[in-house]
Amino acid sequence: MNINNEHNLQSTGAVKPIYSITPFTLLDYPDKTACILWFAGCNMRCVYCYNPDIVFGKGKLSFNEALKFLNARKNLLDGVVLSGGECTLHKNIISLIKEIKSLGLLVKIDTNGSKPKVLEQLIKENYIDYVALDFKATKDKFKKITESDLYSNFITSLKLLIDKKIPFEIRTTIHSLLLDQADLNEMIRVLKSCNYTGTYYLQNYLDNTKTIGNIQNSNKRNFDIAQLNSEINVVLRN
């Protein structure tokens, strides 16, 4: 571990930003073996979010404790997923990612796109290898669904990722009470207008799950993927 970065990370003292670690996954980083660091806290309150314990909870692990875990498994994993919550909110996240990269591990971040300046710095320093960017809602419904005014931040992050040509994906969680087919077509239009040419992943809301908004189950029959705007490739993951 670099001495200067070690000092930076240790200077946070008793701060423990990481809620938990999933030691192994084959699903969360495309074509890679990885673990997941779940970061406590978020600047959005998405009503369908199934991680309320992470969003509202306190961290249990420090950066240094996470690095010790990663160091012991660096020959068993291809990469690390930083998820949450929202990982880009945390102080010294850039120093942490630099240390992860020094272990020879790939880094993927799951983000709501609310911190484009952090994202830009990570890209500039070549500290991230893959990004999953959540497209929460249309501009008109964004505040209602996320309880935030961060739509413009998301658009800035989207344009940044497209411009820098870093590997990334766009994904949206769909719930029949929150987004309808017209909304999804509007979101596809936004992606097309920003010159996004990748795949747009849709993922169904997980029924019978504790969520921040305590919403009822989604009527999955309300969505017909074949009827969506075909200007970009749309894939339903579940």
Protein backbone atom coordinates (compact mmCIF):
# COMPACT_ATOMS: atom_id res chain seq x y z
CA MET A 1 0.00 0.00 0.00
CA ASN A 2 1.29 3.44 -0.92
CA ILE A 3 2.41 5.24 2.28
CA ASN A 4 0.78 8.57 1.39
CA ASN A 5 -2.52 6.98 0.48
CA GLU A 6 -2.38 4.77 3.55
CA HIS A 7 -2.06 7.95 5.65
CA ASN A 8 -5.00 9.51 3.84
CA LEU A 9 -7.19 6.50 4.51
CA GLN A 10 -6.10 6.13 8.12
CA SER A 11 -6.78 9.82 8.75
CA THR A 12 -10.51 9.05 8.62
CA GLY A 13 -10.03 7.46 12.04
CA ALA A 14 -13.03 5.49 13.20
CA VAL A 15 -15.09 6.32 10.12
CA LYS A 16 -16.58 3.16 8.64
CA PRO A 17 -18.25 3.93 5.31
CA ILE A 18 -18.80 0.32 4.15
CA TYR A 19 -21.96 -1.43 5.31
CA SER A 20 -20.97 -4.96 4.26
CA ILE A 21 -19.04 -7.06 1.76
CA THR A 22 -20.39 -9.73 -0.57
CA PRO A 23 -17.27 -11.90 -0.93
CA PHE A 24 -18.03 -13.39 -4.34
CA THR A 25 -20.32 -12.75 -7.31
CA LEU A 26 -20.48 -13.83 -10.94
CA LEU A 27 -23.48 -11.62 -11.72
CA ASP A 28 -22.56 -8.05 -10.83
CA TYR A 29 -19.49 -7.47 -13.02
CA PRO A 30 -19.98 -8.70 -16.61
CA ASP A 31 -17.76 -11.69 -17.39
CA LYS A 32 -15.68 -11.19 -14.23
CA THR A 33 -15.35 -12.79 -10.81
CA ALA A 34 -15.79 -10.07 -8.22
CA CYS A 35 -16.78 -9.08 -4.73
CA ILE A 36 -19.08 -6.20 -3.76
CA LEU A 37 -18.37 -3.42 -1.29
CA TRP A 38 -21.73 -2.01 -0.15
CA PHE A 39 -21.45 1.65 0.87
CA ALA A 40 -23.79 3.04 3.51
CA GLY A 41 -25.76 6.18 2.72
CA CYS A 42 -27.34 7.68 -0.37
CA ASN A 43 -28.48 11.09 -1.60
CA MET A 44 -31.62 9.64 -3.16
CA ARG A 45 -34.64 7.93 -1.58
CA CYS A 46 -35.95 5.84 -4.45
CA VAL A 47 -39.30 4.41 -3.43
CA TYR A 48 -38.52 1.02 -5.02
CA CYS A 49 -35.07 0.71 -3.38
CA TYR A 50 -34.65 -2.70 -1.74
CA ASN A 51 -31.59 -1.67 0.28
CA PRO A 52 -33.15 0.57 2.99
CA ASP A 53 -30.85 -0.90 5.63
CA ILE A 54 -27.86 0.25 3.58
CA VAL A 55 -29.31 3.64 2.60
CA PHE A 56 -30.32 4.56 6.15
CA GLY A 57 -27.83 2.43 8.05
CA LYS A 58 -24.34 3.11 9.31
CA GLY A 59 -21.18 1.58 7.95
CA LYS A 60 -19.52 -1.30 9.74
CA LEU A 61 -16.15 -1.52 7.96
CA SER A 62 -13.39 1.03 7.38
CA PHE A 63 -11.55 1.42 4.09
CA ASN A 64 -8.48 -0.20 5.60
CA GLU A 65 -10.50 -3.21 6.75
CA ALA A 66 -11.88 -3.56 3.24
CA LEU A 67 -8.38 -3.35 1.75
CA LYS A 68 -7.18 -6.11 4.07
CA PHE A 69 -10.03 -8.29 2.82
CA LEU A 70 -9.17 -7.52 -0.81
CA ASN A 71 -5.46 -8.07 -0.33
CA ALA A 72 -6.16 -11.58 0.99
CA ARG A 73 -8.26 -12.40 -2.08
CA LYS A 74 -6.54 -10.50 -4.89
CA ASN A 75 -5.49 -13.72 -6.64
CA LEU A 76 -9.03 -15.13 -6.48
CA LEU A 77 -10.95 -12.20 -7.94
CA ASP A 78 -10.83 -10.26 -11.19
CA GLY A 79 -12.42 -7.15 -9.78
CA VAL A 80 -14.36 -5.22 -7.18
CA VAL A 81 -17.84 -3.69 -7.45
CA LEU A 82 -18.47 -0.55 -5.42
CA SER A 83 -22.19 -0.31 -4.79
CA GLY A 84 -24.61 0.90 -2.16
CA GLY A 85 -26.13 3.29 -1.33
CA GLU A 86 -24.01 5.65 -3.39
CA CYS A 87 -20.27 5.03 -3.32
CA THR A 88 -19.26 8.36 -4.91
CA LEU A 89 -20.54 10.31 -1.89
CA HIS A 90 -17.79 9.14 0.39
CA LYS A 91 -14.74 11.10 1.39
CA ASN A 92 -11.49 9.51 0.21
CA ILE A 93 -13.29 7.22 -2.24
CA ILE A 94 -10.70 8.15 -4.88
CA SER A 95 -7.83 7.18 -2.57
CA LEU A 96 -9.57 3.87 -1.82
CA ILE A 97 -10.04 3.07 -5.51
CA LYS A 98 -6.41 3.92 -6.21
CA GLU A 99 -5.38 1.38 -3.59
CA ILE A 100 -7.73 -1.23 -5.05
CA LYS A 101 -6.17 -0.69 -8.47
CA SER A 102 -2.70 -1.09 -6.97
CA LEU A 103 -3.72 -4.64 -6.03
CA GLY A 104 -4.20 -5.43 -9.72
CA LEU A 105 -7.99 -5.57 -9.45
CA LEU A 106 -10.51 -4.14 -11.89
CA VAL A 107 -13.01 -1.64 -10.49
CA LYS A 108 -16.69 -1.31 -11.40
CA ILE A 109 -18.91 1.28 -9.77
CA ASP A 110 -22.70 1.29 -9.51
CA THR A 111 -23.84 4.90 -9.39
CA ASN A 112 -26.90 7.12 -9.66
CA GLY A 113 -24.77 9.68 -11.51
CA SER A 114 -25.27 12.40 -8.92
CA LYS A 115 -21.54 13.18 -8.59
CA PRO A 116 -20.26 13.82 -12.12
CA LYS A 117 -17.13 15.64 -10.88
CA VAL A 118 -16.07 12.57 -8.89
CA LEU A 119 -16.82 10.38 -11.88
CA GLU A 120 -14.80 12.66 -14.14
CA GLN A 121 -11.76 12.51 -11.86
CA LEU A 122 -11.94 8.72 -11.63
CA ILE A 123 -12.05 8.48 -15.42
CA LYS A 124 -9.21 11.00 -15.84
CA GLU A 125 -6.97 8.98 -13.51
CA ASN A 126 -7.93 5.66 -15.16
CA TYR A 127 -9.17 4.36 -11.82
CA ILE A 128 -12.40 2.73 -13.02
CA ASP A 129 -12.91 0.05 -15.63
CA TYR A 130 -16.70 -0.26 -15.86
CA VAL A 131 -19.72 1.76 -14.74
CA ALA A 132 -23.37 0.83 -14.22
CA LEU A 133 -25.36 4.06 -14.39
CA ASP A 134 -28.91 4.04 -13.04
CA PHE A 135 -31.47 5.97 -15.11
CA LYS A 136 -34.09 6.42 -12.43
CA ALA A 137 -36.93 8.15 -14.25
CA THR A 138 -38.03 10.76 -16.74
CA LYS A 139 -37.27 14.39 -15.91
CA ASP A 140 -40.92 14.94 -14.92
CA LYS A 141 -41.03 11.96 -12.56
CA PHE A 142 -37.46 12.06 -11.26
CA LYS A 143 -38.18 14.04 -8.09
CA LYS A 144 -41.23 11.97 -7.19
CA ILE A 145 -39.41 8.66 -7.58
CA THR A 146 -36.01 9.61 -6.11
CA GLU A 147 -37.00 12.44 -3.71
CA SER A 148 -34.10 14.46 -5.16
CA ASP A 149 -33.41 17.26 -7.64
CA LEU A 150 -30.46 15.49 -9.24
CA TYR A 151 -31.73 14.80 -12.75
CA SER A 152 -29.36 17.32 -14.34
CA ASN A 153 -26.42 15.69 -12.51
CA PHE A 154 -27.43 12.36 -13.99
CA ILE A 155 -27.55 13.83 -17.50
CA THR A 156 -24.08 15.35 -17.00
CA SER A 157 -22.73 11.95 -15.91
CA LEU A 158 -24.39 10.23 -18.85
CA LYS A 159 -22.85 12.63 -21.36
CA LEU A 160 -19.47 12.32 -19.65
CA LEU A 161 -19.45 8.54 -19.93
CA ILE A 162 -20.49 8.69 -23.58
CA ASP A 163 -17.82 11.29 -24.37
CA LYS A 164 -15.00 9.47 -22.58
CA LYS A 165 -15.94 6.12 -24.12
CA ILE A 166 -15.40 4.18 -20.90
CA PRO A 167 -17.21 0.80 -20.82
CA PHE A 168 -20.57 1.35 -19.14
CA GLU A 169 -24.21 0.35 -19.14
CA ILE A 170 -27.50 2.13 -18.51
CA ARG A 171 -30.16 0.40 -16.42
CA THR A 172 -33.62 1.20 -15.13
CA THR A 173 -35.74 -0.57 -12.53
CA ILE A 174 -39.32 -0.74 -13.74
CA HIS A 175 -42.47 -0.79 -11.60
CA SER A 176 -45.96 -0.48 -13.09
CA LEU A 177 -47.01 2.16 -10.55
CA LEU A 178 -43.99 4.36 -11.26
CA LEU A 179 -43.07 4.15 -14.94
CA ASP A 180 -45.27 3.26 -17.90
CA GLN A 181 -44.44 2.46 -21.50
CA ALA A 182 -44.62 6.12 -22.52
CA ASP A 183 -42.09 6.99 -19.81
CA LEU A 184 -39.70 4.32 -21.02
CA ASN A 185 -40.00 5.57 -24.60
CA GLU A 186 -39.21 9.08 -23.37
CA MET A 187 -36.14 7.76 -21.55
CA ILE A 188 -35.04 5.96 -24.72
CA ARG A 189 -35.47 9.25 -26.59
CA VAL A 190 -33.20 10.98 -24.05
CA LEU A 191 -30.53 8.30 -24.45
CA LYS A 192 -30.74 8.56 -28.24
CA SER A 193 -30.48 12.36 -28.10
CA CYS A 194 -27.28 12.01 -26.06
CA ASN A 195 -25.85 9.63 -28.72
CA TYR A 196 -25.95 6.56 -26.50
CA THR A 197 -25.43 3.50 -28.70
CA GLY A 198 -25.12 0.74 -26.09
CA THR A 199 -27.71 -1.58 -24.61
CA TYR A 200 -30.41 -0.20 -22.34
CA TYR A 201 -31.09 -2.73 -19.57
CA LEU A 202 -34.46 -2.90 -17.85
CA GLN A 203 -34.84 -4.83 -14.62
CA ASN A 204 -38.12 -5.68 -12.95
CA TYR A 205 -38.85 -4.47 -9.46
CA LEU A 206 -38.39 -7.30 -6.96
CA ASP A 207 -41.85 -8.15 -5.67
CA ASN A 208 -42.46 -9.03 -2.02
CA THR A 209 -39.38 -7.09 -0.97
CA LYS A 210 -38.94 -4.51 1.79
CA THR A 211 -38.40 -1.14 0.12
CA ILE A 212 -37.99 2.49 1.16
CA GLY A 213 -41.44 3.41 -0.18
CA ASN A 214 -43.20 0.21 0.90
CA ILE A 215 -44.86 0.02 -2.50
CA GLN A 216 -47.04 -2.86 -3.59
CA ASN A 217 -46.08 -5.47 -6.16
CA SER A 218 -45.66 -4.45 -9.77
CA ASN A 219 -47.95 -5.65 -12.54
CA LYS A 220 -45.37 -6.99 -14.96
CA ARG A 221 -48.01 -7.57 -17.62
CA ASN A 222 -48.19 -3.80 -18.09
CA PHE A 223 -44.91 -3.83 -20.02
CA ASP A 224 -44.39 -5.14 -23.52
CA ILE A 225 -40.72 -4.74 -24.39
CA ALA A 226 -41.46 -5.45 -28.04
CA GLN A 227 -43.58 -2.29 -28.20
CA LEU A 228 -40.83 0.04 -26.98
CA ASN A 229 -38.96 2.41 -29.25
CA SER A 230 -36.45 0.28 -31.16
CA GLU A 231 -33.89 3.04 -31.86
CA ILE A 232 -31.57 1.48 -29.30
CA ASN A 233 -31.22 -2.09 -28.07
CA VAL A 234 -33.40 -2.78 -25.02
CA VAL A 235 -32.92 -5.92 -22.92
CA LEU A 236 -35.03 -7.14 -20.00
CA ARG A 237 -32.75 -8.80 -17.47
CA ASN A 238 -35.34 -10.56 -15.31
